[in-house]
N, C-alpha and C. Protein backbone atom coordinates (compact mmCIF):
# COMPACT_ATOMS: atom_id res chain seq x y z
N UNK A 1 0.84 -1.18 0.00
CA UNK A 1 0.00 0.00 0.00
C UNK A 1 0.89 1.25 0.00
N UNK A 2 0.53 2.20 -0.81
CA UNK A 2 1.26 3.46 -0.90
C UNK A 2 0.76 4.41 0.19
N UNK A 3 1.69 4.95 0.96
CA UNK A 3 1.33 5.90 2.01
C UNK A 3 1.90 7.27 1.68
N UNK A 4 1.36 8.29 2.33
CA UNK A 4 1.89 9.64 2.13
C UNK A 4 3.33 9.72 2.58
N UNK A 5 3.65 9.05 3.68
CA UNK A 5 5.03 9.07 4.16
C UNK A 5 5.98 8.47 3.12
N UNK A 6 5.55 7.40 2.48
CA UNK A 6 6.41 6.79 1.46
C UNK A 6 6.55 7.72 0.25
N UNK A 7 5.44 8.22 -0.25
CA UNK A 7 5.46 9.05 -1.46
C UNK A 7 6.31 10.30 -1.26
N UNK A 8 6.18 10.95 -0.11
CA UNK A 8 6.81 12.25 0.08
C UNK A 8 8.13 12.24 0.85
N UNK A 9 8.45 11.15 1.54
CA UNK A 9 9.64 11.15 2.38
C UNK A 9 10.50 9.89 2.22
N UNK A 10 9.87 8.73 2.21
CA UNK A 10 10.62 7.49 2.36
C UNK A 10 11.26 6.94 1.10
N UNK A 11 10.69 7.18 -0.06
CA UNK A 11 11.27 6.58 -1.26
C UNK A 11 12.63 7.24 -1.56
N UNK A 12 13.50 6.51 -2.19
CA UNK A 12 14.88 6.95 -2.40
C UNK A 12 14.97 8.25 -3.20
N UNK A 13 14.12 8.42 -4.21
CA UNK A 13 14.15 9.64 -5.00
C UNK A 13 13.82 10.86 -4.15
N UNK A 14 12.84 10.72 -3.26
CA UNK A 14 12.47 11.84 -2.40
C UNK A 14 13.56 12.13 -1.38
N UNK A 15 14.21 11.12 -0.89
CA UNK A 15 15.31 11.34 0.05
C UNK A 15 16.41 12.19 -0.60
N UNK A 16 16.68 11.92 -1.86
CA UNK A 16 17.68 12.70 -2.58
C UNK A 16 17.24 14.16 -2.74
N UNK A 17 15.97 14.35 -3.06
CA UNK A 17 15.44 15.71 -3.19
C UNK A 17 15.55 16.45 -1.87
N UNK A 18 15.14 15.81 -0.77
CA UNK A 18 15.22 16.46 0.54
C UNK A 18 16.66 16.76 0.92
N UNK A 19 17.56 15.84 0.63
CA UNK A 19 18.97 16.09 0.95
C UNK A 19 19.48 17.33 0.21
N UNK A 20 19.08 17.51 -1.04
CA UNK A 20 19.45 18.72 -1.78
C UNK A 20 18.87 19.97 -1.13
N UNK A 21 17.63 19.89 -0.71
CA UNK A 21 16.99 21.03 -0.04
C UNK A 21 17.75 21.40 1.24
N UNK A 22 18.13 20.39 2.00
CA UNK A 22 18.86 20.66 3.24
C UNK A 22 20.20 21.32 2.94
N UNK A 23 20.85 20.88 1.87
CA UNK A 23 22.13 21.48 1.50
C UNK A 23 21.96 22.95 1.14
N UNK A 24 20.85 23.31 0.48
CA UNK A 24 20.59 24.70 0.13
C UNK A 24 20.56 25.58 1.38
N UNK A 25 20.07 25.00 2.47
CA UNK A 25 19.97 25.74 3.72
C UNK A 25 21.22 25.55 4.59
N UNK A 26 22.24 24.89 4.05
CA UNK A 26 23.45 24.58 4.81
C UNK A 26 23.11 23.88 6.12
N UNK A 27 22.22 22.94 6.02
CA UNK A 27 21.75 22.21 7.20
C UNK A 27 22.03 20.73 7.01
N UNK A 28 22.73 20.14 7.95
CA UNK A 28 22.96 18.71 7.86
C UNK A 28 21.75 18.01 8.48
N UNK A 29 21.14 17.19 7.70
CA UNK A 29 19.86 16.62 8.10
C UNK A 29 20.02 15.29 8.81
N UNK A 30 19.01 15.00 9.61
CA UNK A 30 18.81 13.68 10.18
C UNK A 30 17.53 13.18 9.55
N UNK A 31 17.66 12.13 8.77
CA UNK A 31 16.50 11.65 8.01
C UNK A 31 15.38 11.22 8.93
N UNK A 32 14.19 11.55 8.53
CA UNK A 32 12.99 11.12 9.23
C UNK A 32 12.13 10.35 8.25
N UNK A 33 11.32 9.46 8.75
CA UNK A 33 10.46 8.66 7.88
C UNK A 33 9.02 9.12 7.89
N UNK A 34 8.73 10.18 8.60
CA UNK A 34 7.36 10.67 8.69
C UNK A 34 7.25 12.06 8.08
N UNK A 35 6.23 12.26 7.28
CA UNK A 35 6.03 13.53 6.60
C UNK A 35 5.87 14.68 7.58
N UNK A 36 5.09 14.51 8.60
CA UNK A 36 4.85 15.58 9.57
C UNK A 36 6.15 15.96 10.27
N UNK A 37 6.99 14.98 10.59
CA UNK A 37 8.28 15.28 11.21
C UNK A 37 9.20 16.03 10.25
N UNK A 38 9.12 15.66 8.98
CA UNK A 38 9.92 16.32 7.97
C UNK A 38 9.59 17.81 7.92
N UNK A 39 8.33 18.15 8.04
CA UNK A 39 7.91 19.55 8.01
C UNK A 39 8.36 20.30 9.27
N UNK A 40 8.19 19.71 10.43
CA UNK A 40 8.42 20.41 11.70
C UNK A 40 9.85 20.33 12.21
N UNK A 41 10.58 19.31 11.87
CA UNK A 41 11.90 19.09 12.46
C UNK A 41 12.91 20.15 12.05
N UNK A 42 12.97 20.52 10.82
CA UNK A 42 14.06 21.36 10.34
C UNK A 42 13.92 22.84 10.64
N UNK A 43 12.74 23.44 10.57
CA UNK A 43 12.67 24.88 10.90
C UNK A 43 13.10 25.18 12.33
N UNK A 44 12.92 24.25 13.22
CA UNK A 44 13.31 24.47 14.61
C UNK A 44 14.81 24.77 14.70
N UNK A 45 15.58 24.17 13.82
CA UNK A 45 17.03 24.32 13.85
C UNK A 45 17.51 25.56 13.10
N UNK A 46 16.65 26.20 12.35
CA UNK A 46 17.05 27.39 11.61
C UNK A 46 17.04 28.60 12.54
N UNK A 47 17.97 29.50 12.33
CA UNK A 47 18.16 30.60 13.27
C UNK A 47 17.22 31.78 13.08
N UNK A 48 16.83 32.06 11.86
CA UNK A 48 16.10 33.28 11.58
C UNK A 48 14.70 32.97 11.06
N UNK A 49 13.76 33.86 11.40
CA UNK A 49 12.39 33.68 10.95
C UNK A 49 12.29 33.65 9.42
N UNK A 50 13.12 34.45 8.76
CA UNK A 50 13.07 34.46 7.30
C UNK A 50 13.49 33.11 6.74
N UNK A 51 14.44 32.46 7.39
CA UNK A 51 14.86 31.12 6.95
C UNK A 51 13.75 30.11 7.16
N UNK A 52 13.02 30.24 8.25
CA UNK A 52 11.89 29.34 8.50
C UNK A 52 10.84 29.54 7.42
N UNK A 53 10.54 30.78 7.07
CA UNK A 53 9.56 31.06 6.01
C UNK A 53 10.02 30.49 4.68
N UNK A 54 11.30 30.66 4.37
CA UNK A 54 11.84 30.10 3.13
C UNK A 54 11.73 28.58 3.12
N UNK A 55 12.05 27.95 4.27
CA UNK A 55 11.96 26.50 4.36
C UNK A 55 10.53 26.04 4.08
N UNK A 56 9.56 26.71 4.65
CA UNK A 56 8.16 26.30 4.47
C UNK A 56 7.73 26.46 3.01
N UNK A 57 8.22 27.48 2.34
CA UNK A 57 7.91 27.66 0.92
C UNK A 57 8.54 26.54 0.10
N UNK A 58 9.80 26.25 0.35
CA UNK A 58 10.49 25.16 -0.36
C UNK A 58 9.79 23.84 -0.09
N UNK A 59 9.48 23.58 1.18
CA UNK A 59 8.82 22.32 1.57
C UNK A 59 7.50 22.17 0.82
N UNK A 60 6.69 23.22 0.82
CA UNK A 60 5.39 23.17 0.15
C UNK A 60 5.55 22.96 -1.35
N UNK A 61 6.52 23.62 -1.95
CA UNK A 61 6.76 23.47 -3.40
C UNK A 61 7.18 22.04 -3.74
N UNK A 62 8.03 21.45 -2.93
CA UNK A 62 8.46 20.06 -3.18
C UNK A 62 7.27 19.12 -3.07
N UNK A 63 6.47 19.28 -2.04
CA UNK A 63 5.29 18.42 -1.86
C UNK A 63 4.32 18.61 -3.02
N UNK A 64 4.03 19.84 -3.41
CA UNK A 64 3.09 20.14 -4.48
C UNK A 64 3.56 19.54 -5.81
N UNK A 65 4.81 19.74 -6.14
CA UNK A 65 5.35 19.22 -7.40
C UNK A 65 5.35 17.69 -7.41
N UNK A 66 5.71 17.11 -6.30
CA UNK A 66 5.71 15.64 -6.20
C UNK A 66 4.30 15.09 -6.37
N UNK A 67 3.33 15.71 -5.70
CA UNK A 67 1.95 15.26 -5.80
C UNK A 67 1.43 15.37 -7.23
N UNK A 68 1.71 16.49 -7.89
CA UNK A 68 1.27 16.67 -9.28
C UNK A 68 1.93 15.66 -10.21
N UNK A 69 3.22 15.43 -10.04
CA UNK A 69 3.93 14.47 -10.88
C UNK A 69 3.38 13.06 -10.65
N UNK A 70 3.16 12.69 -9.40
CA UNK A 70 2.60 11.38 -9.07
C UNK A 70 1.24 11.19 -9.72
N UNK A 71 0.38 12.18 -9.61
CA UNK A 71 -0.96 12.08 -10.18
C UNK A 71 -0.92 12.01 -11.71
N UNK A 72 -0.03 12.76 -12.33
CA UNK A 72 0.12 12.68 -13.79
C UNK A 72 0.54 11.29 -14.22
N UNK A 73 1.45 10.69 -13.49
CA UNK A 73 1.91 9.34 -13.83
C UNK A 73 0.77 8.33 -13.66
N UNK A 74 0.05 8.43 -12.57
CA UNK A 74 -1.01 7.46 -12.27
C UNK A 74 -2.22 7.64 -13.18
N UNK A 75 -2.66 8.86 -13.37
CA UNK A 75 -3.92 9.09 -14.07
C UNK A 75 -3.77 9.39 -15.56
N UNK A 76 -2.57 9.68 -16.01
CA UNK A 76 -2.36 9.96 -17.43
C UNK A 76 -1.51 8.89 -18.10
N UNK A 77 -1.30 7.80 -17.41
CA UNK A 77 -0.48 6.69 -17.89
C UNK A 77 0.91 7.18 -18.23
């Protein structure tokens, strides 16, 4: 069964995408297997509110693009 955690965090392709995002923020990540933890874990470690806002924008964009790509693959063959 496909879960949100697998689609957005656990599969190898997504892990690579998240690792790139963490590098953009100069943040060494500790991998998490849960989507909700992925969202909340990293902003806590960022020093500035602007960085937290940027992280949330990047996070939302990654989730949105992944969801759209997944749906295109599934529903458009």
